[in-house]
């Protein structure tokens, strides 16, 4: 399974042609309309000053921004569009300067408009945001007029107290204030219905929020995936409990109904895997939900019919699907990829007589955040302010590359490069180090050859390295038996990783075959595993370098939590920077690894 289709793994962060253009880039997903003629009419409905029975409510949504204020580079800043003739093309997308313009244009002539998000607004962020504990992103979201968001797993990268600070404001307890103004926090509520304080058993933030205008009421319930503790550092979720998504949503849907709120949207930081990587793929071509798989399908089939739409995220995929609810009725389920490259425009038709959404009229479309529109001046100013503060650190050159080092594929050149860097650093700590393994979700981006600023083509800056590895993991050394090393490789495709494999990126010298025609642990061909050409000896001891997240058994690798002889080194970005500096120069840039250490039988 390609690494890009896997859920992304969190850790601690480091310090008017517009409407026409948007319409041309939309993928329409709509339920069959079957309403009276005034269902999509003007607010007065032609009855004097009385509002019509039906009122269209615009829901604009996005997810998994991850602090990408500037346009993401490389493949992270593109989307694939399916053409009428069956071919595809890529479109440059993303950047809050453009996202703001698109959202503001979309809201025009829509007085009943709500903007919501599906979590992971912060965390694993580029330097411009991550260096400042994501205060810049919260400022940007405030300017975007975000109304509400669920928490995602990355909102817990720095723990519940830091999340509370992002919500409520105040300067960072260690790093203080970054400007002469006190950080005011988010203007919008973070919803965490299924995240409970271990002692009080109550949600640590609001479980739901209600949008109201002229008698129209729409409730929002926000949850993150129940499995958050398995993909976040232990410190980040200390003292917290994460409850089942479906049970939680159903519980609070009843509570909202008791309060007279019958129109309900669930913001769920969990997602699915569409059958196509094109954002405008017809997910319902062969029937509702037939073009999507993954955790969100089961969730959607079990969330109470009282919920009218699901805004999802986490898997960084794009889809607009209908999936039947428990009563057998189709319900809209959407996701807008990641990094601000898309936004979803959903029409919810509110019935004033019943107070509910007329679900037969719900329609939705994903739109590309193209970079062909004017930049929003206020976002340009915000980016400029924070870049000025970050420049002394971010502009420092740490290496040179001869071509793009991509982070796509089951085994990626960027993943291999990081593994090689950690292996080299491990050898410095302990010459007995044998290999290194890197989790794919920790590789947040690739390195691009083209200059992003004034540094010159092929130059890798600290800021670019930070974008690749923003978590402040340490490089850890541990001893494992050969049998345990083999077991670790099998855990990539078994246990909790059976449905969505997490293929570890291997350092140079470690090779094996991955047979995807098989199932479970058998997909790793044991007899093919070699280290420097020799078979792994199950009884021998091997010194393995990993990051601290993996060393704690994270990402579904319990065996990596059983190592002995622990030795903790520097942070992983420093290890990468040292490797690039030592192995490249302007005259002799580093070539991307060939990514040929894993032989894949498709």
Protein backbone atom coordinates (compact mmCIF):
# COMPACT_ATOMS: atom_id res chain seq x y z
CA UNK A 1 0.00 0.00 0.00
CA UNK A 2 1.45 3.41 -0.91
CA UNK A 3 2.71 5.34 2.07
CA UNK A 4 0.69 8.36 1.03
CA UNK A 5 -2.56 6.49 1.60
CA UNK A 6 -1.74 5.69 5.20
CA UNK A 7 -2.98 7.70 8.14
CA UNK A 8 -0.32 10.16 9.19
CA UNK A 9 1.50 9.62 12.43
CA UNK A 10 1.85 12.42 14.96
CA UNK A 11 4.52 13.42 17.43
CA UNK A 12 5.56 16.42 19.37
CA UNK A 13 6.18 19.49 17.31
CA UNK A 14 9.28 21.59 17.18
CA UNK A 15 9.99 24.66 18.39
CA UNK A 16 -15.05 37.36 -11.02
CA UNK A 17 -14.05 34.65 -12.70
CA UNK A 18 -13.44 33.06 -9.32
CA UNK A 19 -16.80 31.34 -9.04
CA UNK A 20 -16.58 30.08 -12.59
CA UNK A 21 -13.09 28.75 -12.01
CA UNK A 22 -14.12 27.07 -8.80
CA UNK A 23 -17.14 25.52 -10.43
CA UNK A 24 -15.01 24.09 -13.21
CA UNK A 25 -12.85 22.34 -10.65
CA UNK A 26 -15.65 20.86 -8.57
CA UNK A 27 -16.68 17.30 -8.15
CA UNK A 28 -20.39 17.07 -7.63
CA UNK A 29 -21.89 14.56 -5.27
CA UNK A 30 -25.57 15.02 -4.64
CA UNK A 31 -28.49 13.14 -3.26
CA UNK A 32 -31.54 12.99 -5.53
CA UNK A 33 -33.43 16.23 -5.05
CA UNK A 34 -37.10 15.80 -4.26
CA UNK A 35 -38.30 19.01 -2.65
CA UNK A 36 -40.97 21.61 -3.37
CA UNK A 37 -40.05 24.31 -5.86
CA UNK A 38 -39.13 26.82 -3.15
CA UNK A 39 -36.58 24.52 -1.53
CA UNK A 40 -33.66 26.38 -3.05
CA UNK A 41 -35.43 29.69 -3.47
CA UNK A 42 -34.71 33.10 -1.97
CA UNK A 43 -34.89 33.57 1.78
CA UNK A 44 -38.28 35.28 1.64
CA UNK A 45 -39.77 32.49 -0.45
CA UNK A 46 -41.99 35.03 -2.21
CA UNK A 47 -44.27 35.40 0.81
CA UNK A 48 -43.67 38.96 1.84
CA UNK A 49 -41.21 39.19 4.73
CA UNK A 50 -41.85 35.65 5.94
CA UNK A 51 -38.97 33.24 5.38
CA UNK A 52 -39.66 30.30 3.13
CA UNK A 53 -40.07 26.83 4.55
CA UNK A 54 -36.74 25.75 3.14
CA UNK A 55 -33.49 27.59 3.70
CA UNK A 56 -30.23 26.54 2.08
CA UNK A 57 -27.32 26.55 4.51
CA UNK A 58 -23.84 26.53 3.01
CA UNK A 59 -21.28 24.36 4.80
CA UNK A 60 -17.69 25.03 3.76
CA UNK A 61 -15.22 22.54 5.20
CA UNK A 62 -11.62 21.40 5.09
CA UNK A 63 -9.36 19.19 7.18
CA UNK A 64 -5.75 18.31 8.00
CA UNK A 65 -4.25 21.74 7.35
CA UNK A 66 -1.21 20.90 9.51
CA UNK A 67 -0.06 24.49 9.69
CA UNK A 68 0.57 24.74 5.95
CA UNK A 69 0.20 28.50 5.69
CA UNK A 70 2.44 28.76 2.64
CA UNK A 71 1.75 26.71 -0.50
CA UNK A 72 3.08 23.19 0.12
CA UNK A 73 5.97 22.18 -2.12
CA UNK A 74 6.28 19.21 -4.44
CA UNK A 75 3.55 16.58 -4.56
CA UNK A 76 2.21 17.84 -1.22
CA UNK A 77 1.09 20.97 -3.06
CA UNK A 78 -0.73 19.33 -5.95
CA UNK A 79 -4.02 17.55 -6.57
CA UNK A 80 -4.95 15.14 -9.33
CA UNK A 81 -7.96 15.93 -11.49
CA UNK A 82 -9.77 13.32 -13.59
CA UNK A 83 -10.50 14.54 -17.13
CA UNK A 84 -13.54 13.76 -19.28
CA UNK A 85 -11.46 11.49 -21.55
CA UNK A 86 -10.27 9.40 -18.59
CA UNK A 87 -6.81 10.95 -18.33
CA UNK A 88 -5.60 12.92 -15.33
CA UNK A 89 -3.75 16.15 -14.80
CA UNK A 90 -2.16 17.71 -11.75
CA UNK A 91 -3.00 21.16 -10.42
CA UNK A 92 -0.90 23.24 -8.04
CA UNK A 93 -3.00 23.88 -4.95
CA UNK A 94 -2.91 25.19 -1.41
CA UNK A 95 -1.69 28.12 0.63
CA UNK A 96 -3.84 30.16 3.01
CA UNK A 97 -3.48 33.30 0.88
CA UNK A 98 -5.45 31.44 -1.80
CA UNK A 99 -7.67 29.46 0.56
CA UNK A 100 -8.89 32.72 2.08
CA UNK A 101 -9.72 34.13 -1.34
CA UNK A 102 -11.61 31.01 -2.38
CA UNK A 103 -13.61 30.78 0.85
CA UNK A 104 -14.50 34.46 0.85
CA UNK A 105 -15.67 34.27 -2.77
CA UNK A 106 -17.68 31.12 -2.04
CA UNK A 107 -19.49 32.84 0.82
CA UNK A 108 -20.72 35.72 -1.36
CA UNK A 109 -24.51 35.68 -1.80
CA UNK A 110 -24.71 32.97 0.88
CA UNK A 111 -25.90 34.71 4.06
CA UNK A 112 -26.40 31.34 5.74
CA UNK A 113 -22.82 30.08 5.57
CA UNK A 114 -20.82 28.04 8.09
CA UNK A 115 -17.14 27.10 7.88
CA UNK A 116 -16.08 23.95 9.73
CA UNK A 117 -13.02 21.74 9.89
CA UNK A 118 -12.27 18.09 10.55
CA UNK A 119 -9.22 18.29 12.82
CA UNK A 120 -5.42 18.37 12.55
CA UNK A 121 -5.37 22.09 11.92
CA UNK A 122 -2.05 22.15 13.76
CA UNK A 123 0.76 19.70 14.39
CA UNK A 124 3.46 18.33 12.09
CA UNK A 125 3.62 21.88 10.77
CA UNK A 126 6.23 23.64 8.64
CA UNK A 127 8.72 25.90 10.38
CA UNK A 128 6.69 29.09 9.94
CA UNK A 129 4.05 27.66 12.27
CA UNK A 130 5.72 24.81 14.16
CA UNK A 131 8.57 26.98 15.43
CA UNK A 132 5.99 29.14 17.22
CA UNK A 133 3.84 26.31 18.63
CA UNK A 134 1.30 26.88 15.84
CA UNK A 135 0.15 30.29 17.02
CA UNK A 136 0.48 31.54 13.40
CA UNK A 137 -1.98 28.89 12.20
CA UNK A 138 -4.55 29.78 14.85
CA UNK A 139 -4.22 33.43 13.80
CA UNK A 140 -4.75 32.43 10.17
CA UNK A 141 -7.81 30.32 11.00
CA UNK A 142 -9.28 33.25 12.91
CA UNK A 143 -8.83 35.42 9.82
CA UNK A 144 -10.40 32.68 7.69
CA UNK A 145 -13.52 32.99 9.89
CA UNK A 146 -13.47 29.33 10.83
CA UNK A 147 -16.57 28.68 12.92
CA UNK A 148 -15.79 25.30 14.48
CA UNK A 149 -13.46 22.31 14.24
CA UNK A 150 -13.07 18.92 15.79
CA UNK A 151 -9.80 17.99 17.41
CA UNK A 152 -7.55 15.60 15.54
CA UNK A 153 -4.77 13.41 16.83
CA UNK A 154 -2.18 16.10 16.09
CA UNK A 155 -3.92 18.55 18.37
CA UNK A 156 -2.47 16.39 21.17
CA UNK A 157 1.14 16.47 19.98
CA UNK A 158 2.05 18.79 22.85
CA UNK A 159 -0.60 17.60 25.28
CA UNK A 160 -3.96 18.76 26.57
CA UNK A 161 -2.60 21.85 28.35
CA UNK A 162 -1.09 23.19 25.15
CA UNK A 163 -4.32 22.47 23.28
CA UNK A 164 -6.20 24.42 25.94
CA UNK A 165 -3.78 27.33 25.41
CA UNK A 166 -4.42 27.30 21.67
CA UNK A 167 -8.14 27.46 22.46
CA UNK A 168 -8.05 30.03 25.24
CA UNK A 169 -4.92 32.08 24.54
CA UNK A 170 -1.91 33.12 26.58
CA UNK A 171 1.79 33.03 25.92
CA UNK A 172 3.70 29.76 25.79
CA UNK A 173 4.74 28.62 29.29
CA UNK A 174 8.36 28.02 28.23
CA UNK A 175 9.02 30.15 25.16
CA UNK A 176 6.88 33.10 26.23
CA UNK A 177 5.39 35.64 23.83
CA UNK A 178 6.74 35.86 20.30
CA UNK A 179 5.47 39.36 19.57
CA UNK A 180 4.51 42.42 21.59
CA UNK A 181 0.93 41.18 21.62
CA UNK A 182 -0.40 38.43 23.84
CA UNK A 183 -1.63 35.39 21.93
CA UNK A 184 -5.43 35.52 22.14
CA UNK A 185 -6.24 31.96 21.14
CA UNK A 186 -8.83 30.58 18.77
CA UNK A 187 -11.99 32.54 17.97
CA UNK A 188 -13.65 29.23 17.13
CA UNK A 189 -14.42 26.28 19.42
CA UNK A 190 -12.41 23.09 19.31
CA UNK A 191 -14.77 20.15 19.87
CA UNK A 192 -13.56 17.03 21.69
CA UNK A 193 -16.66 15.01 22.54
CA UNK A 194 -14.85 11.67 22.87
CA UNK A 195 -11.74 12.94 24.69
CA UNK A 196 -12.29 12.67 28.43
CA UNK A 197 -10.30 13.69 31.45
CA UNK A 198 -9.29 10.42 33.10
CA UNK A 199 -10.30 11.68 36.54
CA UNK A 200 -13.49 13.64 35.90
CA UNK A 201 -14.69 11.48 32.96
CA UNK A 202 -15.83 14.67 31.26
CA UNK A 203 -14.79 16.02 27.83
CA UNK A 204 -11.72 18.23 28.08
CA UNK A 205 -13.29 20.70 25.63
CA UNK A 206 -16.81 21.33 24.38
CA UNK A 207 -18.42 18.20 22.93
CA UNK A 208 -20.70 20.12 20.58
CA UNK A 209 -21.58 23.60 19.34
CA UNK A 210 -24.73 25.07 17.77
CA UNK A 211 -24.76 27.58 14.92
CA UNK A 212 -27.85 29.83 14.92
CA UNK A 213 -29.22 32.43 12.54
CA UNK A 214 -32.78 33.72 12.14
CA UNK A 215 -34.29 30.62 13.67
CA UNK A 216 -32.05 28.20 11.77
CA UNK A 217 -30.07 25.93 14.09
CA UNK A 218 -27.35 23.46 13.09
CA UNK A 219 -25.49 21.45 15.71
CA UNK A 220 -21.92 20.19 15.35
CA UNK A 221 -20.40 17.27 17.26
CA UNK A 222 -16.64 16.85 17.08
CA UNK A 223 -14.61 13.68 17.70
CA UNK A 224 -11.16 12.35 16.90
CA UNK A 225 -10.30 8.74 16.18
CA UNK A 226 -10.55 6.44 19.17
CA UNK A 227 -7.09 5.09 18.36
CA UNK A 228 -5.35 8.43 18.97
CA UNK A 229 -3.27 7.09 21.91
CA UNK A 230 -1.60 4.59 19.58
CA UNK A 231 -0.36 7.28 17.20
CA UNK A 232 0.56 10.07 19.63
CA UNK A 233 3.36 10.21 22.16
CA UNK A 234 2.42 8.96 25.61
CA UNK A 235 3.09 12.41 27.09
CA UNK A 236 0.63 13.99 24.66
CA UNK A 237 -2.31 11.88 25.85
CA UNK A 238 -1.37 11.43 29.50
CA UNK A 239 -4.42 11.58 31.75
CA UNK A 240 -6.88 11.30 28.83
CA UNK A 241 -9.36 8.70 27.64
CA UNK A 242 -10.50 8.37 24.02
CA UNK A 243 -13.94 6.88 23.58
CA UNK A 244 -15.67 5.16 20.66
CA UNK A 245 -16.56 7.60 17.89
CA UNK A 246 -20.00 6.18 17.07
CA UNK A 247 -21.17 5.82 20.67
CA UNK A 248 -20.04 9.35 21.44
CA UNK A 249 -21.70 10.95 18.41
CA UNK A 250 -24.94 9.07 19.06
CA UNK A 251 -24.92 10.14 22.71
CA UNK A 252 -24.57 13.85 21.94
CA UNK A 253 -26.96 13.70 18.99
CA UNK A 254 -29.65 12.68 21.50
CA UNK A 255 -28.61 15.55 23.76
CA UNK A 256 -28.86 18.05 20.91
CA UNK A 257 -32.27 16.71 19.95
CA UNK A 258 -33.50 17.18 23.53
CA UNK A 259 -32.42 20.82 23.17
CA UNK A 260 -34.49 21.16 20.01
CA UNK A 261 -31.56 20.94 17.60
CA UNK A 262 -32.52 18.47 14.89
CA UNK A 263 -30.04 19.44 12.16
CA UNK A 264 -26.72 17.86 13.10
CA UNK A 265 -23.31 17.52 11.44
CA UNK A 266 -20.55 15.29 12.81
CA UNK A 267 -16.95 16.45 12.46
CA UNK A 268 -14.94 13.23 12.60
CA UNK A 269 -11.16 13.05 12.52
CA UNK A 270 -11.15 9.63 10.92
CA UNK A 271 -11.43 8.80 7.26
CA UNK A 272 -11.37 6.43 4.36
CA UNK A 273 -9.52 5.36 1.27
CA UNK A 274 -11.19 6.19 -2.06
CA UNK A 275 -10.63 3.93 -5.05
CA UNK A 276 -9.01 6.81 -6.94
CA UNK A 277 -6.52 9.51 -6.02
CA UNK A 278 -8.34 12.04 -8.23
CA UNK A 279 -10.22 14.55 -6.11
CA UNK A 280 -13.19 14.57 -8.52
CA UNK A 281 -13.56 10.79 -8.68
CA UNK A 282 -17.22 9.70 -8.63
CA UNK A 283 -17.33 7.79 -5.36
CA UNK A 284 -20.93 6.73 -5.96
CA UNK A 285 -20.54 5.60 -9.58
CA UNK A 286 -21.52 2.01 -8.79
CA UNK A 287 -23.74 2.77 -5.84
CA UNK A 288 -23.55 4.78 -2.64
CA UNK A 289 -20.19 4.46 -0.94
CA UNK A 290 -18.98 1.71 -3.28
CA UNK A 291 -15.86 3.69 -4.14
CA UNK A 292 -14.52 4.06 -0.62
CA UNK A 293 -13.13 1.76 2.05
CA UNK A 294 -11.56 2.19 5.46
CA UNK A 295 -12.69 3.04 9.00
CA UNK A 296 -15.10 5.81 8.01
CA UNK A 297 -17.37 3.35 6.20
CA UNK A 298 -18.18 1.39 9.35
CA UNK A 299 -18.56 4.60 11.33
CA UNK A 300 -20.92 6.11 8.76
CA UNK A 301 -23.06 2.97 8.70
CA UNK A 302 -23.54 3.09 12.48
CA UNK A 303 -23.85 6.79 13.36
CA UNK A 304 -27.46 7.59 14.20
CA UNK A 305 -29.70 8.80 11.35
CA UNK A 306 -30.23 11.94 13.41
CA UNK A 307 -26.88 13.13 12.03
CA UNK A 308 -27.32 14.65 8.57
CA UNK A 309 -23.76 14.78 7.23
CA UNK A 310 -20.24 13.68 8.15
CA UNK A 311 -17.19 15.89 7.60
CA UNK A 312 -14.15 13.65 7.95
CA UNK A 313 -10.35 13.67 7.70
CA UNK A 314 -7.17 12.00 8.96
CA UNK A 315 -6.32 9.91 5.87
CA UNK A 316 -5.51 13.01 3.78
CA UNK A 317 -7.71 11.73 0.96
CA UNK A 318 -10.36 13.54 -1.08
CA UNK A 319 -13.87 12.17 -1.49
CA UNK A 320 -17.53 13.12 -1.68
CA UNK A 321 -19.58 9.97 -1.08
CA UNK A 322 -22.97 8.89 0.12
CA UNK A 323 -23.03 5.99 2.58
CA UNK A 324 -26.28 4.59 3.93
CA UNK A 325 -27.07 5.33 7.56
CA UNK A 326 -28.49 2.63 9.90
CA UNK A 327 -32.00 3.24 8.52
CA UNK A 328 -30.77 2.55 4.98
CA UNK A 329 -30.94 6.18 3.86
CA UNK A 330 -27.99 7.75 2.00
CA UNK A 331 -25.97 10.35 3.90
CA UNK A 332 -23.17 12.61 2.66
CA UNK A 333 -19.62 11.86 3.80
CA UNK A 334 -16.84 14.22 2.69
CA UNK A 335 -13.12 14.88 3.02
CA UNK A 336 -11.04 17.66 1.46
CA UNK A 337 -7.62 15.95 1.20
CA UNK A 338 -5.06 17.91 3.28
CA UNK A 339 -2.77 20.94 3.58
CA UNK A 340 -5.47 23.37 2.41
CA UNK A 341 -5.42 22.09 -1.18
CA UNK A 342 -9.20 21.60 -1.35
CA UNK A 343 -12.32 22.80 0.37
CA UNK A 344 -15.74 21.18 0.32
CA UNK A 345 -18.92 23.16 -0.41
CA UNK A 346 -22.00 21.34 0.89
CA UNK A 347 -25.57 22.59 0.66
CA UNK A 348 -27.75 21.61 3.60
CA UNK A 349 -31.42 22.43 2.98
CA UNK A 350 -33.00 23.33 6.31
CA UNK A 351 -36.72 22.70 6.78
CA UNK A 352 -38.08 25.41 9.07
CA UNK A 353 -41.24 23.39 9.73
CA UNK A 354 -39.37 20.41 11.14
CA UNK A 355 -36.07 22.03 12.16
CA UNK A 356 -34.27 19.25 10.31
CA UNK A 357 -32.21 18.94 7.15
CA UNK A 358 -34.08 17.69 4.09
CA UNK A 359 -31.49 15.05 3.28
CA UNK A 360 -32.84 14.29 -0.16
CA UNK A 361 -31.61 17.73 -1.22
CA UNK A 362 -28.09 17.61 0.22
CA UNK A 363 -25.43 18.23 -2.40
CA UNK A 364 -21.68 18.54 -2.07
CA UNK A 365 -18.59 19.22 -4.16
CA UNK A 366 -14.85 19.45 -3.58
CA UNK A 367 -13.16 22.52 -5.04
CA UNK A 368 -9.48 23.06 -5.72
CA UNK A 369 -7.71 25.89 -3.90
CA UNK A 370 -6.03 27.05 -7.08
CA UNK A 371 -3.18 29.52 -7.01
CA UNK A 372 -4.54 31.43 -10.03
CA UNK A 373 -6.67 33.72 -7.88
CA UNK A 374 -5.50 36.91 -6.11
CA UNK A 375 -3.77 36.42 -2.79
CA UNK A 376 -5.59 37.58 0.32
CA UNK A 377 -3.62 40.60 1.52
CA UNK A 378 -4.20 39.95 5.21
CA UNK A 379 -2.80 36.43 4.87
CA UNK A 380 0.21 37.71 2.94
CA UNK A 381 0.91 40.12 5.80
CA UNK A 382 0.51 37.36 8.40
CA UNK A 383 2.92 35.06 6.56
CA UNK A 384 5.40 37.89 6.15
CA UNK A 385 5.33 38.70 9.86
CA UNK A 386 6.04 35.15 10.98
CA UNK A 387 8.57 34.45 8.23
CA UNK A 388 10.56 37.47 9.35
CA UNK A 389 10.73 36.02 12.85
CA UNK A 390 11.65 32.56 11.56
CA UNK A 391 14.17 33.62 8.90
CA UNK A 392 17.35 33.66 11.03
CA UNK A 393 16.81 29.99 11.83
CA UNK A 394 15.01 28.75 8.75
CA UNK A 395 17.25 30.14 6.00
CA UNK A 396 20.40 28.33 7.11
CA UNK A 397 21.64 25.86 4.47
CA UNK A 398 22.10 22.30 5.76
CA UNK A 399 22.82 20.43 2.53
CA UNK A 400 22.55 20.09 -1.23
CA UNK A 401 20.55 17.71 -3.47
CA UNK A 402 20.84 16.95 -7.19
CA UNK A 403 17.11 16.32 -7.75
CA UNK A 404 13.80 16.12 -5.92
CA UNK A 405 13.79 13.66 -3.02
CA UNK A 406 10.17 12.51 -3.03
CA UNK A 407 8.19 11.04 -0.14
CA UNK A 408 5.75 9.04 -2.26
CA UNK A 409 5.51 5.30 -2.68
CA UNK A 410 5.56 2.27 -0.41
CA UNK A 411 9.29 2.86 -0.02
CA UNK A 412 10.20 6.49 -0.63
CA UNK A 413 13.55 8.14 -1.39
CA UNK A 414 12.93 10.58 1.47
CA UNK A 415 12.15 7.78 3.89
CA UNK A 416 15.33 5.95 2.88
CA UNK A 417 17.36 9.14 3.24
CA UNK A 418 16.11 9.68 6.79
CA UNK A 419 16.81 6.04 7.67
CA UNK A 420 20.34 6.39 6.28
CA UNK A 421 20.85 9.57 8.31
CA UNK A 422 19.71 7.87 11.51
CA UNK A 423 21.87 4.84 10.76
CA UNK A 424 24.92 7.05 10.24
CA UNK A 425 24.21 8.96 13.44
CA UNK A 426 23.66 5.68 15.29
CA UNK A 427 27.09 4.46 14.14
CA UNK A 428 28.58 7.62 15.65
CA UNK A 429 26.89 6.91 18.97
CA UNK A 430 27.72 3.22 18.88
CA UNK A 431 29.82 1.60 16.12
CA UNK A 432 27.90 -1.64 16.71
CA UNK A 433 24.72 -0.13 15.20
CA UNK A 434 23.45 -2.46 12.45
CA UNK A 435 20.46 -0.76 10.85
CA UNK A 436 17.81 1.92 11.13
CA UNK A 437 14.05 1.93 10.58
CA UNK A 438 11.86 5.00 9.95
CA UNK A 439 8.07 5.10 10.14
CA UNK A 440 6.47 6.48 6.94
CA UNK A 441 4.00 8.71 8.79
CA UNK A 442 6.91 10.61 10.28
CA UNK A 443 8.11 11.64 6.81
CA UNK A 444 5.95 14.72 6.40
CA UNK A 445 7.28 15.96 3.05
CA UNK A 446 10.00 15.48 0.49
CA UNK A 447 12.80 17.83 -0.52
CA UNK A 448 12.46 19.78 -3.75
CA UNK A 449 15.37 20.76 -5.97
CA UNK A 450 13.84 24.06 -7.10
CA UNK A 451 14.58 26.93 -4.76
CA UNK A 452 11.69 27.99 -2.57
CA UNK A 453 13.24 31.36 -1.76
CA UNK A 454 16.55 33.03 -2.52
CA UNK A 455 18.72 30.11 -1.41
CA UNK A 456 19.29 28.71 -4.90
CA UNK A 457 18.32 25.48 -6.63
CA UNK A 458 19.39 22.31 -4.87
CA UNK A 459 20.01 23.99 -1.53
CA UNK A 460 18.30 22.37 1.46
CA UNK A 461 17.50 24.87 4.19
CA UNK A 462 16.78 24.18 7.83
CA UNK A 463 13.19 25.28 7.23
CA UNK A 464 12.82 22.65 4.50
CA UNK A 465 14.29 20.00 6.77
CA UNK A 466 11.91 21.07 9.52
CA UNK A 467 8.97 20.57 7.17
CA UNK A 468 10.15 17.00 6.57
CA UNK A 469 10.73 16.16 10.25
CA UNK A 470 8.92 18.55 12.60
CA UNK A 471 8.35 16.27 15.60
CA UNK A 472 11.44 16.64 17.81
CA UNK A 473 11.79 12.89 18.19
CA UNK A 474 15.14 11.71 19.43
CA UNK A 475 17.22 9.05 17.68
CA UNK A 476 17.27 6.00 19.95
CA UNK A 477 19.41 2.86 19.85
CA UNK A 478 18.11 -0.49 21.13
CA UNK A 479 19.15 -4.13 21.00
CA UNK A 480 16.85 -6.74 19.47
CA UNK A 481 17.22 -10.38 18.62
CA UNK A 482 17.07 -11.31 14.96
CA UNK A 483 13.74 -12.97 15.65
CA UNK A 484 12.43 -9.67 16.99
CA UNK A 485 13.71 -7.77 13.94
CA UNK A 486 11.81 -10.21 11.72
CA UNK A 487 8.71 -9.79 13.90
CA UNK A 488 8.94 -6.00 13.58
CA UNK A 489 8.92 -6.28 9.79
CA UNK A 490 5.88 -8.57 9.98
CA UNK A 491 4.07 -6.06 12.22
CA UNK A 492 4.12 -3.66 9.26
CA UNK A 493 1.36 -5.74 7.65
CA UNK A 494 -0.30 -7.51 10.57
CA UNK A 495 -1.99 -6.74 13.87
CA UNK A 496 -3.30 -3.18 13.97
CA UNK A 497 -1.51 -2.53 10.66
CA UNK A 498 -3.17 -5.40 8.75
CA UNK A 499 -5.82 -3.24 7.08
CA UNK A 500 -3.59 -0.22 6.43
CA UNK A 501 0.06 -1.38 6.31
CA UNK A 502 2.74 0.94 7.64
CA UNK A 503 5.89 0.06 5.75
CA UNK A 504 8.99 1.08 7.66
CA UNK A 505 11.66 2.82 5.62
CA UNK A 506 14.90 0.79 5.81
CA UNK A 507 18.47 2.00 5.96
CA UNK A 508 20.94 0.94 3.30
CA UNK A 509 21.87 -2.74 3.58
CA UNK A 510 18.51 -4.04 4.78
CA UNK A 511 16.56 -5.72 1.96
CA UNK A 512 13.55 -8.01 1.70
CA UNK A 513 10.53 -8.89 -0.44
CA UNK A 514 7.00 -7.68 0.26
CA UNK A 515 4.45 -9.94 -1.43
CA UNK A 516 1.15 -8.06 -1.58
CA UNK A 517 -0.62 -11.02 -3.15
CA UNK A 518 -0.60 -12.65 0.28
CA UNK A 519 -2.35 -11.62 3.50
CA UNK A 520 -1.27 -10.58 6.97
CA UNK A 521 2.24 -11.27 8.20
CA UNK A 522 2.86 -13.62 5.26
CA UNK A 523 3.23 -10.57 3.06
CA UNK A 524 6.75 -10.20 4.42
CA UNK A 525 8.76 -13.04 2.84
CA UNK A 526 10.90 -14.19 5.78
CA UNK A 527 13.52 -16.03 3.71
CA UNK A 528 14.16 -12.86 1.70
CA UNK A 529 15.25 -10.68 4.64
CA UNK A 530 18.91 -9.79 4.31
CA UNK A 531 21.30 -7.42 6.08
CA UNK A 532 24.32 -6.59 3.96
CA UNK A 533 23.55 -9.69 1.93
CA UNK A 534 23.40 -12.11 4.87
CA UNK A 535 20.26 -13.69 6.28
CA UNK A 536 19.04 -12.35 9.62
CA UNK A 537 20.08 -14.74 12.39
CA UNK A 538 17.09 -15.16 14.75
CA UNK A 539 19.40 -15.85 17.70
CA UNK A 540 21.86 -13.01 17.09
CA UNK A 541 21.63 -9.52 18.59
CA UNK A 542 21.18 -6.47 16.37
CA UNK A 543 21.59 -2.82 17.32
CA UNK A 544 18.74 -0.84 15.75
CA UNK A 545 18.29 2.93 15.41
CA UNK A 546 14.73 4.32 15.40
CA UNK A 547 13.08 7.53 16.49
CA UNK A 548 11.74 7.74 20.02
CA UNK A 549 8.14 7.33 18.88
CA UNK A 550 8.88 3.92 17.35
CA UNK A 551 11.14 3.02 20.26
CA UNK A 552 8.06 3.28 22.47
CA UNK A 553 6.14 0.81 20.33
CA UNK A 554 4.17 3.46 18.47
CA UNK A 555 2.34 3.05 15.17
CA UNK A 556 1.39 -0.55 15.87
CA UNK A 557 4.92 -1.91 16.44
CA UNK A 558 4.76 -3.37 19.97
CA UNK A 559 7.98 -5.34 19.47
CA UNK A 560 9.92 -2.09 19.04
CA UNK A 561 8.88 -1.26 22.60
CA UNK A 562 10.70 -4.35 23.91
CA UNK A 563 14.27 -3.37 23.04
CA UNK A 564 17.10 -3.38 25.58
CA UNK A 565 20.30 -1.41 26.01
CA UNK A 566 18.59 1.90 25.29
CA UNK A 567 20.76 4.83 24.28
CA UNK A 568 19.09 8.18 23.55
CA UNK A 569 20.73 10.57 21.13
CA UNK A 570 20.00 13.94 19.54
CA UNK A 571 16.79 14.94 17.80
CA UNK A 572 16.02 13.45 14.40
CA UNK A 573 16.21 16.72 12.45
CA UNK A 574 19.71 17.34 13.76
CA UNK A 575 20.68 13.84 12.62
CA UNK A 576 19.31 14.56 9.15
CA UNK A 577 21.05 17.94 8.99
CA UNK A 578 24.37 16.41 10.06
CA UNK A 579 24.05 13.71 7.40
CA UNK A 580 23.22 16.18 4.62
CA UNK A 581 26.08 18.47 5.63
CA UNK A 582 28.56 15.59 5.77
CA UNK A 583 27.47 13.91 2.51
CA UNK A 584 26.79 16.83 0.19
CA UNK A 585 28.19 20.10 -1.04
CA UNK A 586 27.38 22.65 -3.73
CA UNK A 587 29.91 20.97 -6.00
CA UNK A 588 28.84 17.44 -5.09
CA UNK A 589 25.12 17.38 -4.22
CA UNK A 590 23.46 14.29 -2.81
CA UNK A 591 21.50 12.13 -5.26
CA UNK A 592 18.12 10.79 -4.09
CA UNK A 593 18.23 7.17 -2.88
CA UNK A 594 16.90 4.71 -5.45
CA UNK A 595 14.22 3.33 -3.07
CA UNK A 596 14.99 -0.23 -4.16
CA UNK A 597 15.56 -1.88 -0.79
CA UNK A 598 12.11 -3.46 -0.68
CA UNK A 599 11.15 -5.69 -3.59
CA UNK A 600 7.40 -5.47 -4.02
CA UNK A 601 5.30 -8.22 -5.57
CA UNK A 602 2.11 -6.34 -6.51
